Amino acid sequence: MIIEVIVEAIIKFKKTLYLLAGAALLLLAGSWLYANSFLTVSVSNGGGKPLTYTIVNQSNNSTVTIKTNKTTLTRMVPRGEYQVSVTSDRPSGFIGIATAKGFLRTTTLKAGLSLENDRQFVGNNPKPCVVYAFDTLLSVGCSSPIKEALVHVPATASLPTYVTKLPANNPSGITEGEIYTA
């Protein structure tokens, strides 16, 4: 009689233990589902060229770079916000922001690569505080006297770019942020 009671208690305990283990596994699976998503990037005009996909998790700045010829890329990512850039070996690219919402949902970005229109060199080794005014780049060390500002003269067909000081009307003051010119 006592043995039967003990065996019954053990069986009941095992059932409770199995029930608790099952509930813990369900919670763990639900948490994993909540925390993961799929991110799909589809390039419409990849042109058969090799593409470089760069996915940056904006919460921790972790970066994944993938080089492939495929125009569609799907990755499982943790829930969060991502900056996605797609470039090819031609001077073209795409940048987009996507939010992965969890529960294994798929977030799709449609990327259209566009050629770079123009690129111009405007300055040579500028100081930290800069302003671009009237097609001229001015730079100065932040919290430095304004008389230490440099004028970056762009290159021409006959001269390379060069740096000169501000005109000699001897301005005074200290820069704190942006430089405004009249």
N, C-alpha and C. Protein backbone atom coordinates (compact mmCIF):
# COMPACT_ATOMS: atom_id res chain seq x y z
N MET A 1 0.80 -1.18 0.00
CA MET A 1 0.00 0.00 0.00
C MET A 1 0.86 1.26 0.00
N ILE A 2 1.85 1.31 0.86
CA ILE A 2 2.74 2.47 0.92
C ILE A 2 3.54 2.58 -0.37
N ILE A 3 3.94 1.46 -0.90
CA ILE A 3 4.72 1.47 -2.14
C ILE A 3 3.86 2.03 -3.27
N GLU A 4 2.60 1.67 -3.33
CA GLU A 4 1.72 2.18 -4.37
C GLU A 4 1.57 3.70 -4.26
N VAL A 5 1.47 4.22 -3.06
CA VAL A 5 1.35 5.67 -2.84
C VAL A 5 2.64 6.37 -3.29
N ILE A 6 3.77 5.79 -2.97
CA ILE A 6 5.06 6.38 -3.35
C ILE A 6 5.19 6.37 -4.87
N VAL A 7 4.84 5.25 -5.51
CA VAL A 7 4.92 5.15 -6.97
C VAL A 7 3.98 6.16 -7.62
N GLU A 8 2.77 6.30 -7.08
CA GLU A 8 1.81 7.28 -7.59
C GLU A 8 2.35 8.70 -7.45
N ALA A 9 2.99 9.03 -6.33
CA ALA A 9 3.56 10.35 -6.11
C ALA A 9 4.70 10.62 -7.10
N ILE A 10 5.51 9.59 -7.36
CA ILE A 10 6.62 9.75 -8.31
C ILE A 10 6.07 9.99 -9.72
N ILE A 11 5.03 9.23 -10.11
CA ILE A 11 4.43 9.41 -11.43
C ILE A 11 3.84 10.81 -11.55
N LYS A 12 3.16 11.28 -10.52
CA LYS A 12 2.57 12.62 -10.52
C LYS A 12 3.67 13.68 -10.61
N PHE A 13 4.77 13.46 -9.86
CA PHE A 13 5.89 14.38 -9.89
C PHE A 13 6.52 14.43 -11.29
N LYS A 14 6.66 13.24 -11.93
CA LYS A 14 7.22 13.19 -13.28
C LYS A 14 6.34 13.96 -14.26
N LYS A 15 5.01 13.79 -14.14
CA LYS A 15 4.09 14.50 -15.02
C LYS A 15 4.25 16.01 -14.84
N THR A 16 4.36 16.45 -13.59
CA THR A 16 4.54 17.87 -13.31
C THR A 16 5.87 18.36 -13.87
N LEU A 17 6.90 17.55 -13.70
CA LEU A 17 8.22 17.89 -14.22
C LEU A 17 8.21 18.00 -15.74
N TYR A 18 7.55 17.03 -16.42
CA TYR A 18 7.43 17.09 -17.87
C TYR A 18 6.64 18.31 -18.32
N LEU A 19 5.59 18.62 -17.59
CA LEU A 19 4.77 19.79 -17.91
C LEU A 19 5.58 21.08 -17.77
N LEU A 20 6.36 21.20 -16.70
CA LEU A 20 7.21 22.38 -16.51
C LEU A 20 8.29 22.47 -17.59
N ALA A 21 8.90 21.33 -17.94
CA ALA A 21 9.92 21.33 -18.98
C ALA A 21 9.31 21.72 -20.33
N GLY A 22 8.13 21.23 -20.62
CA GLY A 22 7.44 21.59 -21.87
C GLY A 22 7.11 23.07 -21.91
N ALA A 23 6.64 23.62 -20.79
CA ALA A 23 6.32 25.05 -20.72
C ALA A 23 7.58 25.89 -20.92
N ALA A 24 8.69 25.46 -20.32
CA ALA A 24 9.95 26.18 -20.48
C ALA A 24 10.41 26.15 -21.94
N LEU A 25 10.28 25.00 -22.60
CA LEU A 25 10.65 24.91 -24.01
C LEU A 25 9.76 25.80 -24.88
N LEU A 26 8.46 25.85 -24.59
CA LEU A 26 7.56 26.72 -25.33
C LEU A 26 7.94 28.19 -25.14
N LEU A 27 8.27 28.58 -23.92
CA LEU A 27 8.70 29.95 -23.66
C LEU A 27 9.99 30.28 -24.42
N LEU A 28 10.92 29.36 -24.40
CA LEU A 28 12.18 29.55 -25.10
C LEU A 28 11.96 29.67 -26.61
N ALA A 29 11.11 28.80 -27.17
CA ALA A 29 10.81 28.86 -28.61
C ALA A 29 10.09 30.16 -28.95
N GLY A 30 9.15 30.59 -28.11
CA GLY A 30 8.44 31.85 -28.35
C GLY A 30 9.38 33.04 -28.30
N SER A 31 10.30 33.02 -27.36
CA SER A 31 11.28 34.11 -27.25
C SER A 31 12.17 34.16 -28.49
N TRP A 32 12.60 33.00 -28.98
CA TRP A 32 13.44 32.95 -30.17
C TRP A 32 12.67 33.45 -31.38
N LEU A 33 11.41 33.03 -31.52
CA LEU A 33 10.59 33.49 -32.64
C LEU A 33 10.40 35.00 -32.59
N TYR A 34 10.17 35.54 -31.40
CA TYR A 34 9.97 36.98 -31.22
C TYR A 34 11.22 37.76 -31.62
N ALA A 35 12.39 37.19 -31.37
CA ALA A 35 13.64 37.92 -31.53
C ALA A 35 14.27 37.81 -32.91
N ASN A 36 13.70 37.05 -33.84
CA ASN A 36 14.33 36.85 -35.15
C ASN A 36 13.39 37.17 -36.30
N SER A 37 13.98 37.64 -37.40
CA SER A 37 13.25 38.00 -38.62
C SER A 37 14.09 37.63 -39.82
N PHE A 38 13.48 37.79 -40.99
CA PHE A 38 14.21 37.65 -42.24
C PHE A 38 14.28 39.02 -42.90
N LEU A 39 15.43 39.33 -43.47
CA LEU A 39 15.63 40.57 -44.21
C LEU A 39 15.98 40.18 -45.64
N THR A 40 15.16 40.64 -46.60
CA THR A 40 15.38 40.34 -48.01
C THR A 40 15.68 41.63 -48.76
N VAL A 41 16.76 41.62 -49.53
CA VAL A 41 17.12 42.76 -50.37
C VAL A 41 17.05 42.27 -51.81
N SER A 42 16.24 42.96 -52.62
CA SER A 42 16.04 42.58 -54.01
C SER A 42 16.53 43.73 -54.90
N VAL A 43 17.52 43.44 -55.75
CA VAL A 43 18.10 44.46 -56.63
C VAL A 43 17.49 44.29 -58.02
N SER A 44 16.87 45.35 -58.53
CA SER A 44 16.16 45.25 -59.81
C SER A 44 17.09 45.38 -61.01
N ASN A 45 18.16 46.11 -60.89
CA ASN A 45 19.04 46.33 -62.05
C ASN A 45 20.49 46.00 -61.72
N GLY A 46 20.71 44.79 -61.21
CA GLY A 46 22.07 44.36 -60.85
C GLY A 46 22.96 44.15 -62.06
N GLY A 47 22.36 43.85 -63.21
CA GLY A 47 23.13 43.75 -64.45
C GLY A 47 24.10 42.59 -64.50
N GLY A 48 23.94 41.56 -63.69
CA GLY A 48 24.83 40.41 -63.73
C GLY A 48 26.21 40.67 -63.18
N LYS A 49 26.43 41.85 -62.65
CA LYS A 49 27.74 42.20 -62.08
C LYS A 49 27.79 41.72 -60.63
N PRO A 50 29.00 41.51 -60.09
CA PRO A 50 29.10 41.16 -58.67
C PRO A 50 28.56 42.31 -57.80
N LEU A 51 27.78 41.96 -56.80
CA LEU A 51 27.19 42.94 -55.89
C LEU A 51 27.77 42.74 -54.50
N THR A 52 27.90 43.84 -53.77
CA THR A 52 28.34 43.79 -52.38
C THR A 52 27.19 44.31 -51.52
N TYR A 53 26.69 43.44 -50.65
CA TYR A 53 25.62 43.79 -49.72
C TYR A 53 26.27 44.04 -48.36
N THR A 54 25.96 45.18 -47.75
CA THR A 54 26.46 45.48 -46.41
C THR A 54 25.25 45.75 -45.52
N ILE A 55 25.13 44.96 -44.45
CA ILE A 55 24.00 45.09 -43.52
C ILE A 55 24.57 45.49 -42.17
N VAL A 56 24.14 46.65 -41.66
CA VAL A 56 24.64 47.17 -40.39
C VAL A 56 23.48 47.20 -39.39
N ASN A 57 23.64 46.48 -38.27
CA ASN A 57 22.66 46.53 -37.18
C ASN A 57 22.86 47.85 -36.47
N GLN A 58 21.84 48.72 -36.48
CA GLN A 58 22.02 50.07 -35.96
C GLN A 58 22.08 50.11 -34.43
N SER A 59 21.66 49.05 -33.75
CA SER A 59 21.71 49.10 -32.29
C SER A 59 23.11 48.79 -31.75
N ASN A 60 23.88 47.96 -32.46
CA ASN A 60 25.21 47.62 -31.95
C ASN A 60 26.32 47.79 -33.00
N ASN A 61 25.98 48.33 -34.17
CA ASN A 61 26.93 48.59 -35.26
C ASN A 61 27.65 47.35 -35.77
N SER A 62 27.09 46.15 -35.54
CA SER A 62 27.71 44.96 -36.12
C SER A 62 27.41 44.95 -37.62
N THR A 63 28.41 44.58 -38.40
CA THR A 63 28.32 44.67 -39.85
C THR A 63 28.54 43.31 -40.48
N VAL A 64 27.70 43.00 -41.48
CA VAL A 64 27.86 41.79 -42.28
C VAL A 64 28.02 42.24 -43.73
N THR A 65 29.08 41.79 -44.40
CA THR A 65 29.30 42.13 -45.80
C THR A 65 29.31 40.84 -46.60
N ILE A 66 28.50 40.82 -47.67
CA ILE A 66 28.38 39.63 -48.51
C ILE A 66 28.59 40.04 -49.96
N LYS A 67 29.49 39.34 -50.66
CA LYS A 67 29.73 39.59 -52.08
C LYS A 67 29.17 38.40 -52.86
N THR A 68 28.29 38.70 -53.82
CA THR A 68 27.65 37.65 -54.59
C THR A 68 27.16 38.20 -55.92
N ASN A 69 26.84 37.30 -56.86
CA ASN A 69 26.24 37.70 -58.13
C ASN A 69 24.72 37.67 -58.06
N LYS A 70 24.16 37.19 -56.97
CA LYS A 70 22.71 37.08 -56.84
C LYS A 70 22.08 38.46 -56.65
N THR A 71 20.94 38.67 -57.31
CA THR A 71 20.25 39.96 -57.18
C THR A 71 19.25 39.96 -56.03
N THR A 72 19.05 38.82 -55.38
CA THR A 72 18.19 38.76 -54.19
C THR A 72 18.96 38.08 -53.07
N LEU A 73 18.97 38.71 -51.92
CA LEU A 73 19.67 38.18 -50.76
C LEU A 73 18.70 38.13 -49.59
N THR A 74 18.62 36.99 -48.92
CA THR A 74 17.77 36.84 -47.73
C THR A 74 18.65 36.38 -46.58
N ARG A 75 18.54 37.07 -45.45
CA ARG A 75 19.31 36.72 -44.24
C ARG A 75 18.40 36.69 -43.04
N MET A 76 18.64 35.76 -42.12
CA MET A 76 17.95 35.78 -40.84
C MET A 76 18.73 36.74 -39.95
N VAL A 77 18.01 37.69 -39.35
CA VAL A 77 18.65 38.72 -38.54
C VAL A 77 17.89 38.87 -37.23
N PRO A 78 18.55 39.33 -36.17
CA PRO A 78 17.82 39.64 -34.94
C PRO A 78 16.88 40.82 -35.17
N ARG A 79 15.84 40.88 -34.39
CA ARG A 79 14.86 41.96 -34.46
C ARG A 79 15.57 43.30 -34.26
N GLY A 80 15.23 44.33 -35.05
CA GLY A 80 15.83 45.65 -34.89
C GLY A 80 15.86 46.42 -36.19
N GLU A 81 16.61 47.53 -36.19
CA GLU A 81 16.74 48.39 -37.36
C GLU A 81 18.09 48.14 -38.02
N TYR A 82 18.06 48.15 -39.36
CA TYR A 82 19.25 47.85 -40.14
C TYR A 82 19.44 48.87 -41.25
N GLN A 83 20.70 49.24 -41.47
CA GLN A 83 21.06 50.04 -42.64
C GLN A 83 21.61 49.06 -43.66
N VAL A 84 21.04 49.08 -44.85
CA VAL A 84 21.44 48.16 -45.91
C VAL A 84 22.01 48.97 -47.06
N SER A 85 23.20 48.60 -47.52
CA SER A 85 23.75 49.25 -48.71
C SER A 85 24.13 48.17 -49.71
N VAL A 86 23.89 48.47 -50.97
CA VAL A 86 24.23 47.57 -52.07
C VAL A 86 25.09 48.36 -53.04
N THR A 87 26.25 47.82 -53.39
CA THR A 87 27.12 48.48 -54.36
C THR A 87 27.57 47.46 -55.39
N SER A 88 27.95 47.97 -56.55
CA SER A 88 28.53 47.11 -57.58
C SER A 88 29.89 47.68 -57.94
N ASP A 89 30.61 46.98 -58.82
CA ASP A 89 31.93 47.48 -59.18
C ASP A 89 31.85 48.70 -60.09
N ARG A 90 30.67 48.96 -60.66
CA ARG A 90 30.46 50.24 -61.34
C ARG A 90 30.22 51.27 -60.25
N PRO A 91 30.43 52.55 -60.52
CA PRO A 91 30.16 53.54 -59.46
C PRO A 91 28.65 53.73 -59.28
N SER A 92 28.01 52.76 -58.63
CA SER A 92 26.58 52.84 -58.40
C SER A 92 26.27 52.23 -57.05
N GLY A 93 25.11 52.58 -56.48
CA GLY A 93 24.79 52.03 -55.19
C GLY A 93 23.39 52.35 -54.74
N PHE A 94 23.05 51.80 -53.57
CA PHE A 94 21.75 51.99 -52.94
C PHE A 94 21.96 51.91 -51.45
N ILE A 95 21.26 52.77 -50.69
CA ILE A 95 21.27 52.70 -49.23
C ILE A 95 19.84 52.80 -48.76
N GLY A 96 19.46 51.93 -47.84
CA GLY A 96 18.11 51.96 -47.29
C GLY A 96 18.11 51.55 -45.83
N ILE A 97 17.04 51.89 -45.13
CA ILE A 97 16.85 51.53 -43.73
C ILE A 97 15.67 50.57 -43.65
N ALA A 98 15.82 49.47 -42.91
CA ALA A 98 14.76 48.49 -42.77
C ALA A 98 14.59 48.14 -41.30
N THR A 99 13.34 47.86 -40.91
CA THR A 99 13.04 47.44 -39.55
C THR A 99 12.61 45.99 -39.58
N ALA A 100 13.39 45.11 -38.94
CA ALA A 100 13.04 43.70 -38.81
C ALA A 100 12.14 43.56 -37.59
N LYS A 101 10.91 43.05 -37.79
CA LYS A 101 9.88 43.12 -36.75
C LYS A 101 9.74 41.88 -35.89
N GLY A 102 10.48 40.84 -36.12
CA GLY A 102 10.40 39.65 -35.28
C GLY A 102 9.35 38.66 -35.76
N PHE A 103 9.22 37.55 -35.01
CA PHE A 103 8.28 36.46 -35.31
C PHE A 103 8.51 35.90 -36.72
N LEU A 104 9.77 35.87 -37.16
CA LEU A 104 10.19 35.33 -38.44
C LEU A 104 9.50 35.98 -39.63
N ARG A 105 9.01 37.21 -39.45
CA ARG A 105 8.43 37.94 -40.57
C ARG A 105 9.55 38.39 -41.51
N THR A 106 9.21 38.55 -42.77
CA THR A 106 10.17 38.96 -43.78
C THR A 106 9.98 40.44 -44.10
N THR A 107 11.05 41.20 -43.97
CA THR A 107 11.07 42.60 -44.37
C THR A 107 11.83 42.67 -45.69
N THR A 108 11.21 43.28 -46.70
CA THR A 108 11.81 43.33 -48.03
C THR A 108 12.18 44.75 -48.41
N LEU A 109 13.41 44.92 -48.89
CA LEU A 109 13.87 46.19 -49.45
C LEU A 109 14.06 46.00 -50.94
N LYS A 110 13.48 46.87 -51.73
CA LYS A 110 13.67 46.83 -53.18
C LYS A 110 14.71 47.89 -53.52
N ALA A 111 15.84 47.43 -54.03
CA ALA A 111 16.96 48.33 -54.31
C ALA A 111 17.10 48.54 -55.81
N GLY A 112 17.23 49.79 -56.19
CA GLY A 112 17.54 50.13 -57.57
C GLY A 112 18.88 50.84 -57.59
N LEU A 113 19.86 50.23 -58.21
CA LEU A 113 21.18 50.85 -58.25
C LEU A 113 21.14 52.03 -59.21
N SER A 114 21.70 53.13 -58.80
CA SER A 114 21.76 54.31 -59.66
C SER A 114 23.21 54.75 -59.79
N LEU A 115 23.55 55.17 -60.99
CA LEU A 115 24.92 55.61 -61.24
C LEU A 115 25.22 56.91 -60.51
N GLU A 116 26.45 57.05 -60.11
CA GLU A 116 26.89 58.28 -59.48
C GLU A 116 26.93 59.37 -60.54
N ASN A 117 26.29 60.50 -60.27
CA ASN A 117 26.23 61.58 -61.26
C ASN A 117 27.53 62.34 -61.39
N ASP A 118 28.12 62.71 -60.26
CA ASP A 118 29.26 63.60 -60.31
C ASP A 118 30.03 63.50 -59.00
N ARG A 119 31.30 63.71 -59.07
CA ARG A 119 32.12 63.75 -57.87
C ARG A 119 33.17 64.82 -58.08
N GLN A 120 33.29 65.73 -57.11
CA GLN A 120 34.28 66.79 -57.21
C GLN A 120 35.11 66.83 -55.95
N PHE A 121 36.37 67.12 -56.13
CA PHE A 121 37.29 67.27 -55.01
C PHE A 121 37.25 68.72 -54.56
N VAL A 122 36.92 68.96 -53.29
CA VAL A 122 36.77 70.35 -52.86
C VAL A 122 37.80 70.79 -51.82
N GLY A 123 38.52 69.86 -51.21
CA GLY A 123 39.46 70.29 -50.19
C GLY A 123 40.56 69.29 -49.97
N ASN A 124 41.67 69.77 -49.43
CA ASN A 124 42.82 68.93 -49.17
C ASN A 124 43.12 68.94 -47.68
N ASN A 125 42.83 67.83 -47.00
CA ASN A 125 43.13 67.67 -45.58
C ASN A 125 42.51 68.79 -44.74
N PRO A 126 41.17 68.93 -44.74
CA PRO A 126 40.54 70.01 -43.99
C PRO A 126 40.64 69.80 -42.48
N LYS A 127 40.54 70.89 -41.74
CA LYS A 127 40.50 70.84 -40.28
C LYS A 127 39.10 70.42 -39.85
N PRO A 128 38.88 70.11 -38.55
CA PRO A 128 37.61 69.50 -38.12
C PRO A 128 36.34 70.32 -38.37
N CYS A 129 36.36 71.63 -38.18
CA CYS A 129 35.15 72.44 -38.38
C CYS A 129 35.20 73.04 -39.78
N VAL A 130 34.20 72.69 -40.60
CA VAL A 130 34.21 73.12 -41.99
C VAL A 130 32.88 73.76 -42.37
N VAL A 131 32.92 74.58 -43.41
CA VAL A 131 31.71 75.12 -44.04
C VAL A 131 32.03 75.26 -45.53
N TYR A 132 31.02 74.96 -46.34
CA TYR A 132 31.16 75.07 -47.79
C TYR A 132 30.33 76.26 -48.23
N ALA A 133 30.99 77.34 -48.62
CA ALA A 133 30.28 78.57 -48.98
C ALA A 133 30.80 79.09 -50.31
N PHE A 134 29.87 79.45 -51.19
CA PHE A 134 30.22 80.05 -52.48
C PHE A 134 31.25 79.22 -53.22
N ASP A 135 31.02 77.92 -53.32
CA ASP A 135 31.91 76.98 -54.01
C ASP A 135 33.31 76.95 -53.44
N THR A 136 33.47 77.31 -52.18
CA THR A 136 34.78 77.29 -51.53
C THR A 136 34.64 76.62 -50.17
N LEU A 137 35.58 75.76 -49.85
CA LEU A 137 35.59 75.09 -48.56
C LEU A 137 36.47 75.87 -47.60
N LEU A 138 35.90 76.23 -46.44
CA LEU A 138 36.66 76.87 -45.36
C LEU A 138 36.77 75.88 -44.23
N SER A 139 37.93 75.79 -43.59
CA SER A 139 38.08 74.89 -42.45
C SER A 139 38.94 75.54 -41.38
N VAL A 140 38.68 75.15 -40.14
CA VAL A 140 39.41 75.68 -39.00
C VAL A 140 39.30 74.65 -37.88
N GLY A 141 40.27 74.65 -36.98
CA GLY A 141 40.16 73.79 -35.81
C GLY A 141 39.02 74.28 -34.93
N CYS A 142 38.20 73.38 -34.42
CA CYS A 142 37.08 73.79 -33.57
C CYS A 142 37.62 74.50 -32.33
N SER A 143 37.00 75.58 -31.93
CA SER A 143 37.42 76.42 -30.80
C SER A 143 38.79 77.05 -31.03
N SER A 144 39.13 77.29 -32.28
CA SER A 144 40.40 77.95 -32.63
C SER A 144 40.09 79.38 -33.07
N PRO A 145 41.09 80.25 -33.02
CA PRO A 145 40.87 81.61 -33.53
C PRO A 145 40.50 81.58 -35.01
N ILE A 146 39.56 82.44 -35.40
CA ILE A 146 39.08 82.49 -36.78
C ILE A 146 40.19 82.86 -37.75
N LYS A 147 41.21 83.58 -37.26
CA LYS A 147 42.30 83.97 -38.16
C LYS A 147 43.13 82.76 -38.60
N GLU A 148 42.93 81.58 -37.96
CA GLU A 148 43.64 80.37 -38.36
C GLU A 148 42.86 79.57 -39.41
N ALA A 149 41.72 80.11 -39.86
CA ALA A 149 40.90 79.41 -40.86
C ALA A 149 41.66 79.29 -42.18
N LEU A 150 41.42 78.18 -42.86
CA LEU A 150 42.06 77.92 -44.15
C LEU A 150 41.02 77.95 -45.26
N VAL A 151 41.41 78.46 -46.41
CA VAL A 151 40.57 78.46 -47.61
C VAL A 151 41.13 77.38 -48.53
N HIS A 152 40.29 76.41 -48.88
CA HIS A 152 40.70 75.32 -49.77
C HIS A 152 40.29 75.70 -51.19
N VAL A 153 41.27 76.01 -52.01
CA VAL A 153 41.01 76.44 -53.39
C VAL A 153 40.96 75.20 -54.27
N PRO A 154 39.83 74.99 -55.00
CA PRO A 154 39.72 73.78 -55.83
C PRO A 154 40.69 73.81 -57.00
N ALA A 155 40.96 72.64 -57.51
CA ALA A 155 41.88 72.51 -58.64
C ALA A 155 41.25 73.06 -59.91
N THR A 156 42.11 73.51 -60.80
CA THR A 156 41.68 73.94 -62.14
C THR A 156 42.43 73.08 -63.15
N ALA A 157 42.22 73.36 -64.41
CA ALA A 157 42.90 72.59 -65.45
C ALA A 157 44.41 72.77 -65.38
N SER A 158 44.86 73.94 -64.89
CA SER A 158 46.30 74.21 -64.88
C SER A 158 46.93 74.17 -63.49
N LEU A 159 46.12 74.21 -62.41
CA LEU A 159 46.67 74.22 -61.05
C LEU A 159 46.02 73.12 -60.21
N PRO A 160 46.82 72.47 -59.36
CA PRO A 160 46.21 71.51 -58.43
C PRO A 160 45.54 72.27 -57.29
N THR A 161 44.77 71.56 -56.48
CA THR A 161 44.16 72.20 -55.32
C THR A 161 45.24 72.69 -54.37
N TYR A 162 44.97 73.76 -53.67
CA TYR A 162 45.91 74.25 -52.67
C TYR A 162 45.14 74.91 -51.54
N VAL A 163 45.84 75.16 -50.44
CA VAL A 163 45.24 75.74 -49.24
C VAL A 163 45.92 77.07 -48.97
N THR A 164 45.11 78.07 -48.62
CA THR A 164 45.65 79.39 -48.29
C THR A 164 44.95 79.89 -47.04
N LYS A 165 45.52 80.91 -46.41
CA LYS A 165 44.89 81.50 -45.23
C LYS A 165 43.83 82.50 -45.66
N LEU A 166 42.98 82.90 -44.72
CA LEU A 166 41.96 83.91 -45.01
C LEU A 166 42.64 85.21 -45.44
N PRO A 167 41.94 86.06 -46.20
CA PRO A 167 42.52 87.36 -46.58
C PRO A 167 42.97 88.14 -45.35
N ALA A 168 43.89 89.06 -45.54
CA ALA A 168 44.60 89.73 -44.44
C ALA A 168 43.82 90.82 -43.73
N ASN A 169 42.48 90.85 -43.79
CA ASN A 169 41.77 91.89 -43.03
C ASN A 169 41.68 91.53 -41.55
N ASN A 170 42.45 90.54 -41.12
CA ASN A 170 42.69 90.19 -39.72
C ASN A 170 41.40 90.01 -38.90
N PRO A 171 40.59 89.01 -39.22
CA PRO A 171 39.38 88.79 -38.42
C PRO A 171 39.75 88.32 -37.03
N SER A 172 38.88 88.59 -36.07
CA SER A 172 39.15 88.13 -34.70
C SER A 172 37.95 87.33 -34.22
N GLY A 173 38.15 86.54 -33.19
CA GLY A 173 37.09 85.72 -32.62
C GLY A 173 37.51 84.25 -32.62
N ILE A 174 36.70 83.46 -31.93
CA ILE A 174 36.96 82.02 -31.82
C ILE A 174 35.78 81.28 -32.42
N THR A 175 36.06 80.24 -33.18
CA THR A 175 34.98 79.46 -33.79
C THR A 175 34.41 78.50 -32.75
N GLU A 176 33.11 78.45 -32.72
CA GLU A 176 32.42 77.48 -31.86
C GLU A 176 31.29 76.89 -32.68
N GLY A 177 31.59 75.92 -33.51
CA GLY A 177 30.58 75.33 -34.37
C GLY A 177 30.78 75.77 -35.80
N GLU A 178 29.71 76.18 -36.46
CA GLU A 178 29.78 76.52 -37.87
C GLU A 178 30.33 77.92 -38.09
N ILE A 179 30.92 78.11 -39.25
CA ILE A 179 31.43 79.41 -39.66
C ILE A 179 30.43 79.97 -40.66
N TYR A 180 29.93 81.18 -40.42
CA TYR A 180 29.03 81.82 -41.37
C TYR A 180 29.76 82.96 -42.05
N THR A 181 29.61 83.04 -43.36
CA THR A 181 30.27 84.11 -44.09
C THR A 181 29.21 84.98 -44.74
N ALA A 182 29.52 86.25 -44.93
CA ALA A 182 28.55 87.18 -45.54
C ALA A 182 28.93 87.48 -46.96
